[in-house]
Amino acid sequence: MTTGNANKNFSLISLTVRPVFMLMLVLAGTQAALIKYNLTNRFFSTIIYLLLAYCVITILDKYFYSRIIENKEVHIPKLFYIVVKVLIYLVVAFTIAKEQFGIDVVPLLTTSAVLSFVLGLALQETLTNLFAGVAISLEKMYKVGDWISINNMDGKVIEISWRTTKIETRQKNYLTIPNSKISREVVLNYNLPSNVTGLWIFIDVAYDLPPNKVKEVILENLRKMKGLHKEPKPSVQLREFKDSGITYLARVWIDDWGKENDISDEIRTNLWYAFKRNNISFPYPVRDVYIHEVNNTQTHDIVDAHYSFLANLDIFRTQDETTLKEISKVLIKKHYGKNETLFLEGDVGESLFIITHGKIAIIKDNQKIAELGKEELFGEMSLLTGKERTATAKALKDTDCLILSKADFKNIILDNEEIIDKIAKVIAEREMETKKILYEAQQKAFDDQQVSQEIEVSKNYLSNIIRKFFNV
């Protein structure tokens, strides 16, 4: 037996023996007085019964509390505990009154309508609070130590009595609320069903950077913070486009709602420095008015950049510089976010895509069949013939693309129809290269004259299709 258990058992024995010893002294003294003075007054008998009942209830109370509640860690609501003790004392008092004085209180309470009415009016509020407090304890809406919110006011429960619940606010003030009022309100308990609760923080950011970049910076800082739960993981969502900026929602998980203000402060402070390092600006309540002419003419620098991309593409290698410059002027740059779908398999398309930054996955039948990067193009057959998309294109990361549409390309080829023949010949030559590989694999012979003839036939066929599509 350990020293702690020995001390606890000794305390329990001492707690039990002392009331019994005191009861024996009282009984002996009272019996001597009755014999000496020949007093048989009911008053002394009543005193003896009351003392006996008090000692027995006290012993049972201490035994029940020490051996059952403390040792087995059984949670008994304090209010429920008090109500049971009061009921036991009332039963004992009524019993002694009936046995010693012949007074039966129960019929008096049940038959007196006037008394019941008076007591009902006098104790209406008290009984309402009492029953509400018992219901709160039994339903376990909250317990001492829980953080709760009532009428949009947060606080920590420090006491639940038979009449009121006492809450300590964030300002270290005590808020005392009648139990009857709490029972009629919506109560939010931050400690149920567990101590882990979500903390939502809204962050406004300017339009300068793409959302995925902003999310990446925010998540990186949230992962480094201490005091946040790793599961569920922190997350960031774009919630709203406002006049001067974008609103993001950062969701983290904490196990102590009392630290909500401190954690929010730390997150916002860290993000300020992180945004400064990554050139992310906060929005200001301003209005910018842009006045511009609506046309497809690009600035000189942008056209030169587009030209450098076109010159490196196989499909345009046979075009002259003037044609490439004209095409460069009508290219439209668009940005696609990570996991964003550019088009789906089977979509009707009339545009060509050139990747200037990022990566694109080509997906067919839910399987990735190719991965394209910078200075690669896709969608040329839809541009030239209006053919349905044969696969799905999806951005693997934030990606920039130059887009050439049918309407813009048509204006260029109307002035120079040779563009069609040159593009058709390049595509025919690419198809022929594929056939050569198949012939070599099958060990079939072919000669240069046959190759030239097939390229010419294929070029003429494709040129006719393109002309028909563009009504040239």
Protein backbone atom coordinates (compact mmCIF):
# COMPACT_ATOMS: atom_id res chain seq x y z
CA MET A 1 0.00 0.00 0.00
CA THR A 2 1.40 3.38 -0.96
CA THR A 3 1.74 6.31 1.44
CA GLY A 4 -0.94 8.27 -0.42
CA ASN A 5 -3.50 5.46 -0.12
CA ALA A 6 -2.63 4.96 3.54
CA ASN A 7 -3.16 8.65 4.29
CA LYS A 8 -6.43 8.63 2.41
CA ASN A 9 -7.72 5.56 4.29
CA PHE A 10 -6.60 7.06 7.61
CA SER A 11 -8.47 10.28 6.81
CA LEU A 12 -11.58 8.28 5.93
CA ILE A 13 -11.40 6.29 9.20
CA SER A 14 -10.87 9.47 11.18
CA LEU A 15 -13.76 11.11 9.36
CA THR A 16 -16.00 8.16 10.21
CA VAL A 17 -14.95 7.62 13.86
CA ARG A 18 -15.13 11.22 15.01
CA PRO A 19 -18.84 11.79 14.27
CA VAL A 20 -19.70 8.40 15.82
CA PHE A 21 -17.71 9.22 18.97
CA MET A 22 -19.43 12.61 19.22
CA LEU A 23 -22.81 10.94 18.74
CA MET A 24 -22.06 8.49 21.58
CA LEU A 25 -21.14 11.35 23.92
CA VAL A 26 -24.33 13.22 23.03
CA LEU A 27 -26.48 10.11 23.59
CA ALA A 28 -24.77 9.34 26.92
CA GLY A 29 -25.15 12.92 28.17
CA THR A 30 -28.75 13.14 27.07
CA GLN A 31 -29.62 9.80 28.68
CA ALA A 32 -28.03 10.94 31.99
CA ALA A 33 -30.04 14.17 31.89
CA LEU A 34 -33.29 12.31 31.24
CA ILE A 35 -32.66 9.95 34.17
CA LYS A 36 -31.53 12.66 36.62
CA TYR A 37 -34.28 15.14 35.87
CA ASN A 38 -36.87 12.64 34.71
CA LEU A 39 -37.40 14.59 31.49
CA THR A 40 -39.19 12.83 28.73
CA ASN A 41 -39.82 15.90 26.65
CA ARG A 42 -40.16 15.27 22.96
CA PHE A 43 -37.77 18.13 22.40
CA PHE A 44 -34.78 16.08 23.54
CA SER A 45 -35.87 13.10 21.48
CA THR A 46 -36.12 15.31 18.44
CA ILE A 47 -32.64 16.71 19.08
CA ILE A 48 -31.26 13.19 19.31
CA TYR A 49 -32.89 12.10 16.06
CA LEU A 50 -31.68 15.19 14.25
CA LEU A 51 -28.12 14.72 15.49
CA LEU A 52 -28.20 11.06 14.59
CA ALA A 53 -29.54 11.81 11.11
CA TYR A 54 -26.96 14.55 10.59
CA CYS A 55 -24.08 12.24 11.56
CA VAL A 56 -25.31 9.38 9.36
CA ILE A 57 -25.85 11.67 6.34
CA THR A 58 -22.45 13.30 6.86
CA ILE A 59 -20.67 9.92 7.04
CA LEU A 60 -22.44 8.61 3.95
CA ASP A 61 -21.82 11.89 2.14
CA LYS A 62 -18.09 11.87 2.85
CA TYR A 63 -17.79 8.16 2.07
CA PHE A 64 -19.67 8.56 -1.20
CA TYR A 65 -17.61 11.57 -2.24
CA SER A 66 -14.19 10.19 -1.18
CA ARG A 67 -14.50 6.58 -2.30
CA ILE A 68 -16.70 6.82 -5.37
CA ILE A 69 -16.42 10.27 -6.94
CA GLU A 70 -12.72 10.97 -6.30
CA ASN A 71 -11.32 7.43 -6.73
CA LYS A 72 -13.41 6.52 -9.78
CA GLU A 73 -13.35 10.04 -11.24
CA VAL A 74 -17.13 10.09 -11.67
CA HIS A 75 -18.37 13.56 -12.63
CA ILE A 76 -21.42 14.61 -10.58
CA PRO A 77 -22.74 18.12 -11.31
CA LYS A 78 -22.40 20.28 -8.20
CA LEU A 79 -25.96 21.59 -8.45
CA PHE A 80 -27.41 18.08 -8.72
CA TYR A 81 -25.28 17.04 -5.73
CA ILE A 82 -26.66 19.91 -3.60
CA VAL A 83 -30.28 19.29 -4.63
CA VAL A 84 -30.09 15.60 -3.61
CA LYS A 85 -28.67 16.51 -0.19
CA VAL A 86 -31.40 19.09 0.40
CA LEU A 87 -34.10 16.56 -0.53
CA ILE A 88 -32.64 14.00 1.90
CA TYR A 89 -32.63 16.54 4.74
CA LEU A 90 -36.24 17.51 3.95
CA VAL A 91 -37.36 13.86 4.01
CA VAL A 92 -35.63 13.34 7.39
CA ALA A 93 -37.17 16.54 8.83
CA PHE A 94 -40.67 15.62 7.64
CA THR A 95 -40.31 12.09 9.04
CA ILE A 96 -39.16 13.33 12.48
CA ALA A 97 -41.97 15.90 12.59
CA LYS A 98 -44.53 13.20 11.90
CA GLU A 99 -43.12 10.67 14.41
CA GLN A 100 -42.46 13.09 17.28
CA PHE A 101 -45.20 15.66 16.91
CA GLY A 102 -47.75 13.92 14.69
CA ILE A 103 -47.46 16.59 12.05
CA ASP A 104 -47.91 15.22 8.52
CA VAL A 105 -46.60 17.93 6.22
CA VAL A 106 -47.34 16.13 2.93
CA PRO A 107 -51.17 16.30 3.11
CA LEU A 108 -50.87 19.90 4.22
CA LEU A 109 -48.88 20.79 1.12
CA THR A 110 -51.07 18.80 -1.25
CA THR A 111 -54.48 19.82 0.08
CA SER A 112 -53.96 23.51 0.72
CA ALA A 113 -54.75 25.24 -2.54
CA VAL A 114 -54.16 28.65 -1.06
CA LEU A 115 -50.76 27.66 0.34
CA SER A 116 -49.78 26.05 -2.95
CA PHE A 117 -50.83 29.19 -4.83
CA VAL A 118 -48.91 31.49 -2.50
CA LEU A 119 -45.79 29.31 -2.60
CA GLY A 120 -46.05 29.01 -6.36
CA LEU A 121 -46.12 32.78 -6.82
CA ALA A 122 -43.41 33.43 -4.26
CA LEU A 123 -41.03 30.76 -5.52
CA GLN A 124 -41.88 30.89 -9.21
CA GLU A 125 -38.63 32.53 -10.34
CA THR A 126 -36.55 30.57 -7.84
CA LEU A 127 -38.01 27.22 -8.86
CA THR A 128 -37.65 28.10 -12.54
CA ASN A 129 -33.95 28.83 -12.05
CA LEU A 130 -33.55 25.70 -9.92
CA PHE A 131 -35.12 23.35 -12.47
CA ALA A 132 -33.26 25.08 -15.31
CA GLY A 133 -30.00 24.59 -13.41
CA VAL A 134 -30.76 20.90 -12.85
CA ALA A 135 -31.60 20.49 -16.55
CA ILE A 136 -28.35 22.21 -17.57
CA SER A 137 -26.37 19.87 -15.30
CA LEU A 138 -28.13 16.70 -16.42
CA GLU A 139 -28.01 17.57 -20.14
CA LYS A 140 -24.31 18.54 -19.78
CA MET A 141 -24.73 21.67 -21.89
CA TYR A 142 -21.52 22.91 -20.30
CA LYS A 143 -19.42 22.42 -17.19
CA VAL A 144 -17.06 24.49 -15.09
CA GLY A 145 -14.00 25.35 -17.19
CA ASP A 146 -15.79 25.32 -20.58
CA TRP A 147 -15.70 28.30 -22.93
CA ILE A 148 -19.19 29.19 -24.12
CA SER A 149 -20.90 31.92 -26.13
CA ILE A 150 -24.29 33.38 -25.17
CA ASN A 151 -25.79 36.29 -27.11
CA ASN A 152 -22.48 36.72 -28.99
CA MET A 153 -20.58 37.09 -25.70
CA ASP A 154 -17.73 34.67 -25.00
CA GLY A 155 -16.71 33.61 -21.51
CA LYS A 156 -15.36 30.83 -19.34
CA VAL A 157 -17.75 29.06 -16.95
CA ILE A 158 -16.41 29.32 -13.40
CA GLU A 159 -19.48 28.36 -11.35
CA ILE A 160 -22.89 26.72 -11.79
CA SER A 161 -25.18 27.26 -8.78
CA TRP A 162 -28.81 26.38 -8.13
CA ARG A 163 -29.90 29.82 -9.34
CA THR A 164 -27.28 31.24 -11.73
CA THR A 165 -24.27 30.49 -13.93
CA LYS A 166 -21.21 32.67 -13.46
CA ILE A 167 -18.99 33.40 -16.48
CA GLU A 168 -15.62 35.11 -16.61
CA THR A 169 -15.40 37.33 -19.71
CA ARG A 170 -12.27 38.12 -21.70
CA GLN A 171 -12.07 41.41 -19.80
CA LYS A 172 -11.73 39.39 -16.54
CA ASN A 173 -15.17 40.51 -15.40
CA TYR A 174 -17.83 38.24 -13.93
CA LEU A 175 -21.09 37.88 -15.81
CA THR A 176 -23.86 36.28 -13.73
CA ILE A 177 -26.79 34.92 -15.76
CA PRO A 178 -29.96 33.31 -14.31
CA ASN A 179 -30.26 29.66 -15.33
CA SER A 180 -33.80 30.21 -16.57
CA LYS A 181 -32.54 32.78 -19.08
CA ILE A 182 -29.74 30.51 -20.28
CA SER A 183 -32.22 27.69 -20.86
CA ARG A 184 -34.06 29.94 -23.34
CA GLU A 185 -30.93 31.05 -25.23
CA VAL A 186 -28.77 29.39 -27.89
CA VAL A 187 -25.55 28.33 -26.17
CA LEU A 188 -22.39 27.62 -28.19
CA ASN A 189 -19.90 25.40 -26.31
CA TYR A 190 -16.35 25.61 -27.71
CA ASN A 191 -15.35 22.49 -25.71
CA LEU A 192 -17.94 20.13 -27.19
CA PRO A 193 -17.77 17.59 -28.70
CA SER A 194 -14.01 18.04 -28.03
CA ASN A 195 -11.63 20.80 -27.01
CA VAL A 196 -10.47 21.17 -30.62
CA THR A 197 -12.34 24.00 -32.32
CA GLY A 198 -11.94 25.93 -35.57
CA LEU A 199 -10.65 29.50 -35.77
CA TRP A 200 -11.58 31.43 -38.93
CA ILE A 201 -9.47 34.45 -39.94
CA PHE A 202 -10.42 36.66 -42.90
CA ILE A 203 -7.57 38.34 -44.79
CA ASP A 204 -7.93 41.02 -47.49
CA VAL A 205 -5.26 41.08 -50.20
CA ALA A 206 -4.83 43.27 -53.28
CA TYR A 207 -5.46 41.96 -56.80
CA ASP A 208 -1.77 42.08 -57.80
CA LEU A 209 -0.82 38.40 -57.38
CA PRO A 210 -2.69 35.24 -58.47
CA PRO A 211 -4.74 33.49 -55.75
CA ASN A 212 -2.66 30.31 -55.72
CA LYS A 213 0.48 32.30 -54.90
CA VAL A 214 -1.27 34.10 -52.03
CA LYS A 215 -2.65 30.81 -50.69
CA GLU A 216 0.80 29.25 -50.84
CA VAL A 217 2.35 32.07 -48.76
CA ILE A 218 -0.43 31.96 -46.16
CA LEU A 219 -0.30 28.16 -45.80
CA GLU A 220 3.48 28.16 -45.49
CA ASN A 221 3.25 30.51 -42.50
CA LEU A 222 0.38 28.61 -40.87
CA ARG A 223 2.36 25.35 -41.05
CA LYS A 224 5.28 26.95 -39.20
CA MET A 225 3.18 28.28 -36.31
CA LYS A 226 3.17 26.57 -32.95
CA GLY A 227 -0.04 26.08 -30.99
CA LEU A 228 -2.07 25.00 -34.02
CA HIS A 229 -3.34 21.47 -34.53
CA LYS A 230 -1.77 19.57 -37.41
CA GLU A 231 -5.00 17.60 -37.91
CA PRO A 232 -7.28 18.89 -39.29
CA LYS A 233 -4.70 20.66 -41.42
CA PRO A 234 -4.79 24.46 -41.86
CA SER A 235 -6.48 25.51 -45.09
CA VAL A 236 -7.04 28.69 -47.12
CA GLN A 237 -10.03 29.55 -49.29
CA LEU A 238 -10.83 32.47 -51.58
CA ARG A 239 -14.14 33.81 -50.26
CA GLU A 240 -15.00 37.08 -51.98
CA PHE A 241 -14.01 39.58 -54.67
CA LYS A 242 -14.37 43.11 -53.31
CA ASP A 243 -14.00 46.51 -54.92
CA SER A 244 -10.40 47.00 -53.82
CA GLY A 245 -9.17 43.48 -53.06
CA ILE A 246 -9.77 39.76 -52.57
CA THR A 247 -10.89 38.24 -49.26
CA TYR A 248 -9.27 34.96 -48.20
CA LEU A 249 -10.33 32.72 -45.32
CA ALA A 250 -7.60 31.02 -43.27
CA ARG A 251 -8.95 28.10 -41.22
CA VAL A 252 -6.89 26.72 -38.33
CA TRP A 253 -7.68 24.49 -35.34
CA ILE A 254 -6.91 25.22 -31.68
CA ASP A 255 -7.62 23.42 -28.39
CA ASP A 256 -8.13 26.45 -26.11
CA TRP A 257 -10.65 29.07 -27.16
CA GLY A 258 -9.32 31.33 -24.42
CA LYS A 259 -6.20 31.85 -26.58
CA GLU A 260 -8.22 32.82 -29.65
CA ASN A 261 -7.24 36.51 -29.56
CA ASP A 262 -3.54 35.76 -28.97
CA ILE A 263 -3.39 33.22 -31.81
CA SER A 264 -5.26 35.53 -34.20
CA ASP A 265 -2.81 38.31 -33.37
CA GLU A 266 0.19 36.07 -33.99
CA ILE A 267 -1.18 34.84 -37.34
CA ARG A 268 -1.93 38.33 -38.63
CA THR A 269 1.43 39.69 -37.45
CA ASN A 270 3.38 36.88 -39.12
CA LEU A 271 1.40 37.30 -42.34
CA TRP A 272 2.23 41.01 -42.49
CA TYR A 273 5.95 40.22 -42.59
CA ALA A 274 5.43 37.29 -44.99
CA PHE A 275 3.45 39.49 -47.38
CA LYS A 276 6.18 42.13 -47.33
CA ARG A 277 8.82 39.52 -48.20
CA ASN A 278 6.73 38.22 -51.10
CA ASN A 279 5.60 41.62 -52.43
CA ILE A 280 1.97 40.95 -51.56
CA SER A 281 0.14 44.19 -50.82
CA PHE A 282 -2.93 44.93 -48.75
CA PRO A 283 -5.87 46.67 -50.45
CA TYR A 284 -6.77 50.30 -49.89
CA PRO A 285 -10.26 51.76 -50.28
CA VAL A 286 -9.55 53.41 -53.63
CA ARG A 287 -11.08 53.46 -57.10
CA ASP A 288 -8.89 53.18 -60.21
CA VAL A 289 -10.39 54.29 -63.51
CA TYR A 290 -8.68 52.90 -66.61
CA ILE A 291 -9.30 54.58 -69.98
CA HIS A 292 -8.13 52.63 -73.01
CA GLU A 293 -8.98 51.99 -76.64
CA VAL A 294 -10.57 48.64 -77.37
CA ASN A 295 -8.36 47.02 -80.03
CA ASN A 296 -6.04 44.04 -80.44
CA THR A 297 -2.89 46.06 -80.99
CA GLN A 298 -0.22 45.16 -78.45
CA THR A 299 2.72 47.26 -77.37
CA HIS A 300 6.02 46.86 -79.19
CA ASP A 301 7.72 44.91 -76.36
CA ILE A 302 4.84 42.50 -75.97
CA VAL A 303 4.70 41.83 -79.71
CA ASP A 304 8.43 41.08 -79.74
CA ALA A 305 7.98 38.62 -76.87
CA HIS A 306 5.14 36.88 -78.70
CA TYR A 307 7.22 36.78 -81.90
CA SER A 308 10.05 34.97 -80.10
CA PHE A 309 7.65 32.23 -79.04
CA LEU A 310 6.13 31.83 -82.52
CA ALA A 311 9.54 31.64 -84.22
CA ASN A 312 10.44 28.58 -82.13
CA LEU A 313 7.28 26.63 -82.98
CA ASP A 314 7.47 23.98 -85.68
CA ILE A 315 4.05 24.74 -87.12
CA PHE A 316 5.08 28.33 -87.96
CA ARG A 317 8.71 27.67 -89.00
CA THR A 318 8.00 28.18 -92.70
CA GLN A 319 6.23 31.53 -92.24
CA ASP A 320 8.03 34.77 -93.04
CA GLU A 321 8.80 37.45 -90.46
CA THR A 322 5.95 39.71 -91.55
CA THR A 323 3.37 36.97 -91.10
CA LEU A 324 4.75 36.06 -87.66
CA LYS A 325 4.63 39.74 -86.62
CA GLU A 326 0.99 39.98 -87.69
CA ILE A 327 0.09 36.82 -85.75
CA SER A 328 2.03 38.12 -82.72
CA LYS A 329 -0.15 41.22 -82.61
CA VAL A 330 -3.40 39.27 -82.23
CA LEU A 331 -2.24 36.73 -79.62
CA ILE A 332 -4.08 37.07 -76.32
CA LYS A 333 -2.32 36.13 -73.08
CA LYS A 334 -4.41 34.35 -70.45
CA HIS A 335 -3.60 32.98 -67.00
CA TYR A 336 -4.87 29.64 -65.69
CA GLY A 337 -4.67 28.56 -62.06
CA LYS A 338 -3.41 25.24 -60.76
CA ASN A 339 -5.90 22.38 -61.40
CA GLU A 340 -8.00 24.61 -63.66
CA THR A 341 -9.41 22.94 -66.78
CA LEU A 342 -8.82 24.79 -70.06
CA PHE A 343 -11.23 22.63 -72.07
CA LEU A 344 -12.80 19.18 -71.96
CA GLU A 345 -12.59 16.27 -74.35
CA GLY A 346 -15.37 16.64 -76.92
CA ASP A 347 -15.67 20.43 -76.57
CA VAL A 348 -16.08 22.49 -79.73
CA GLY A 349 -12.95 24.62 -80.07
CA GLU A 350 -11.64 27.24 -82.47
CA SER A 351 -8.38 28.29 -80.85
CA LEU A 352 -4.74 27.32 -80.46
CA PHE A 353 -2.76 27.51 -77.16
CA ILE A 354 0.95 28.31 -76.76
CA ILE A 355 2.46 27.78 -73.28
CA THR A 356 4.72 30.61 -72.10
CA HIS A 357 4.93 29.54 -68.47
CA GLY A 358 3.79 26.53 -66.43
CA LYS A 359 2.68 23.02 -67.34
CA ILE A 360 -0.40 21.50 -68.96
CA ALA A 361 -1.57 17.89 -68.70
CA ILE A 362 -3.31 16.33 -71.70
CA ILE A 363 -5.86 13.81 -70.44
CA LYS A 364 -7.82 11.24 -72.43
CA ASP A 365 -10.27 8.75 -70.92
CA ASN A 366 -9.25 9.99 -67.44
CA GLN A 367 -5.60 9.05 -68.11
CA LYS A 368 -2.75 11.54 -68.55
CA ILE A 369 -1.22 10.87 -71.94
CA ALA A 370 1.13 13.86 -72.21
CA GLU A 371 2.62 16.73 -70.24
CA LEU A 372 3.43 19.97 -72.08
CA GLY A 373 5.66 22.82 -70.94
CA LYS A 374 7.08 26.15 -72.05
CA GLU A 375 7.17 26.89 -75.83
CA GLU A 376 4.86 23.96 -76.65
CA LEU A 377 1.47 24.28 -78.31
CA PHE A 378 -1.77 22.31 -78.45
CA GLY A 379 -5.21 22.65 -80.00
CA GLU A 380 -3.96 23.49 -83.53
CA MET A 381 -6.41 21.13 -85.28
CA SER A 382 -9.37 22.80 -83.56
CA LEU A 383 -8.09 26.17 -84.75
CA LEU A 384 -7.55 25.06 -88.33
CA THR A 385 -10.48 22.70 -88.90
CA GLY A 386 -12.95 23.25 -86.06
CA LYS A 387 -12.43 19.67 -84.96
CA GLU A 388 -13.75 18.74 -81.53
CA ARG A 389 -11.19 18.56 -78.74
CA THR A 390 -9.77 15.04 -78.72
CA ALA A 391 -8.55 15.31 -75.10
CA THR A 392 -8.90 17.36 -71.93
CA ALA A 393 -6.33 20.04 -71.05
CA LYS A 394 -5.71 20.81 -67.36
CA ALA A 395 -3.17 23.11 -65.71
CA LEU A 396 -0.75 21.26 -63.41
CA LYS A 397 0.43 24.57 -61.92
CA ASP A 398 -0.24 28.25 -62.50
CA THR A 399 0.19 28.59 -66.28
CA ASP A 400 0.28 31.40 -68.84
CA CYS A 401 -0.84 30.73 -72.42
CA LEU A 402 -0.96 32.74 -75.65
CA ILE A 403 -4.22 32.08 -77.51
CA LEU A 404 -4.79 32.42 -81.23
CA SER A 405 -8.50 32.44 -82.11
CA LYS A 406 -10.18 31.62 -85.41
CA ALA A 407 -11.57 35.14 -85.85
CA ASP A 408 -8.15 36.81 -85.48
CA PHE A 409 -6.35 34.22 -87.60
CA LYS A 410 -8.92 34.53 -90.38
CA ASN A 411 -8.19 38.24 -90.81
CA ILE A 412 -4.53 37.40 -91.36
CA ILE A 413 -4.96 34.54 -93.85
CA LEU A 414 -7.44 36.57 -95.93
CA ASP A 415 -4.53 38.83 -96.80
CA ASN A 416 -2.15 35.94 -97.42
CA GLU A 417 -3.65 32.57 -98.34
CA GLU A 418 -0.17 31.03 -98.70
CA ILE A 419 -0.15 30.77 -94.91
CA ILE A 420 -2.69 27.93 -95.19
CA ASP A 421 -0.57 25.90 -97.62
CA LYS A 422 2.59 26.36 -95.55
CA ILE A 423 0.88 25.23 -92.32
CA ALA A 424 -0.81 22.30 -94.11
CA LYS A 425 2.57 21.16 -95.49
CA VAL A 426 4.20 21.25 -92.02
CA ILE A 427 1.37 19.16 -90.56
CA ALA A 428 1.60 16.71 -93.50
CA GLU A 429 5.36 16.36 -92.96
CA ARG A 430 4.83 15.64 -89.26
CA GLU A 431 2.30 12.94 -90.12
CA MET A 432 4.77 11.46 -92.60
CA GLU A 433 7.48 11.29 -89.93
CA THR A 434 5.09 9.27 -87.80
CA LYS A 435 4.40 6.91 -90.71
CA LYS A 436 8.14 6.42 -91.28
CA ILE A 437 8.53 5.24 -87.71
CA LEU A 438 5.69 2.76 -88.18
CA TYR A 439 7.17 1.53 -91.51
CA GLU A 440 10.57 1.01 -89.92
CA ALA A 441 9.00 -0.92 -87.06
CA GLN A 442 7.20 -3.16 -89.58
CA GLN A 443 10.34 -3.35 -91.78
CA LYS A 444 8.49 -1.96 -94.78
CA ALA A 445 10.38 -0.29 -97.63
CA PHE A 446 9.60 3.23 -98.89
CA ASP A 447 11.35 5.67 -101.20
CA ASP A 448 11.70 9.43 -101.33
CA GLN A 449 9.34 9.78 -104.28
CA GLN A 450 6.59 7.95 -102.40
CA VAL A 451 7.15 10.16 -99.37
CA SER A 452 6.93 13.34 -101.43
CA GLN A 453 3.74 12.19 -103.10
CA GLU A 454 2.04 11.30 -99.81
CA ILE A 455 3.05 14.63 -98.28
CA GLU A 456 1.62 16.52 -101.26
CA VAL A 457 -1.65 14.58 -101.17
CA SER A 458 -2.00 15.09 -97.45
CA LYS A 459 -1.13 18.80 -97.73
CA ASN A 460 -3.74 19.41 -100.45
CA TYR A 461 -6.40 17.53 -98.50
CA LEU A 462 -5.73 19.49 -95.31
CA SER A 463 -5.54 22.81 -97.20
CA ASN A 464 -9.00 22.24 -98.65
CA ILE A 465 -10.42 21.48 -95.19
CA ILE A 466 -8.84 24.64 -93.72
CA ARG A 467 -10.10 26.82 -96.58
CA LYS A 468 -13.58 25.43 -96.21
CA PHE A 469 -13.53 26.03 -92.43
CA PHE A 470 -12.41 29.64 -92.89
CA ASN A 471 -14.59 30.24 -95.95
CA VAL A 472 -11.55 31.25 -97.99
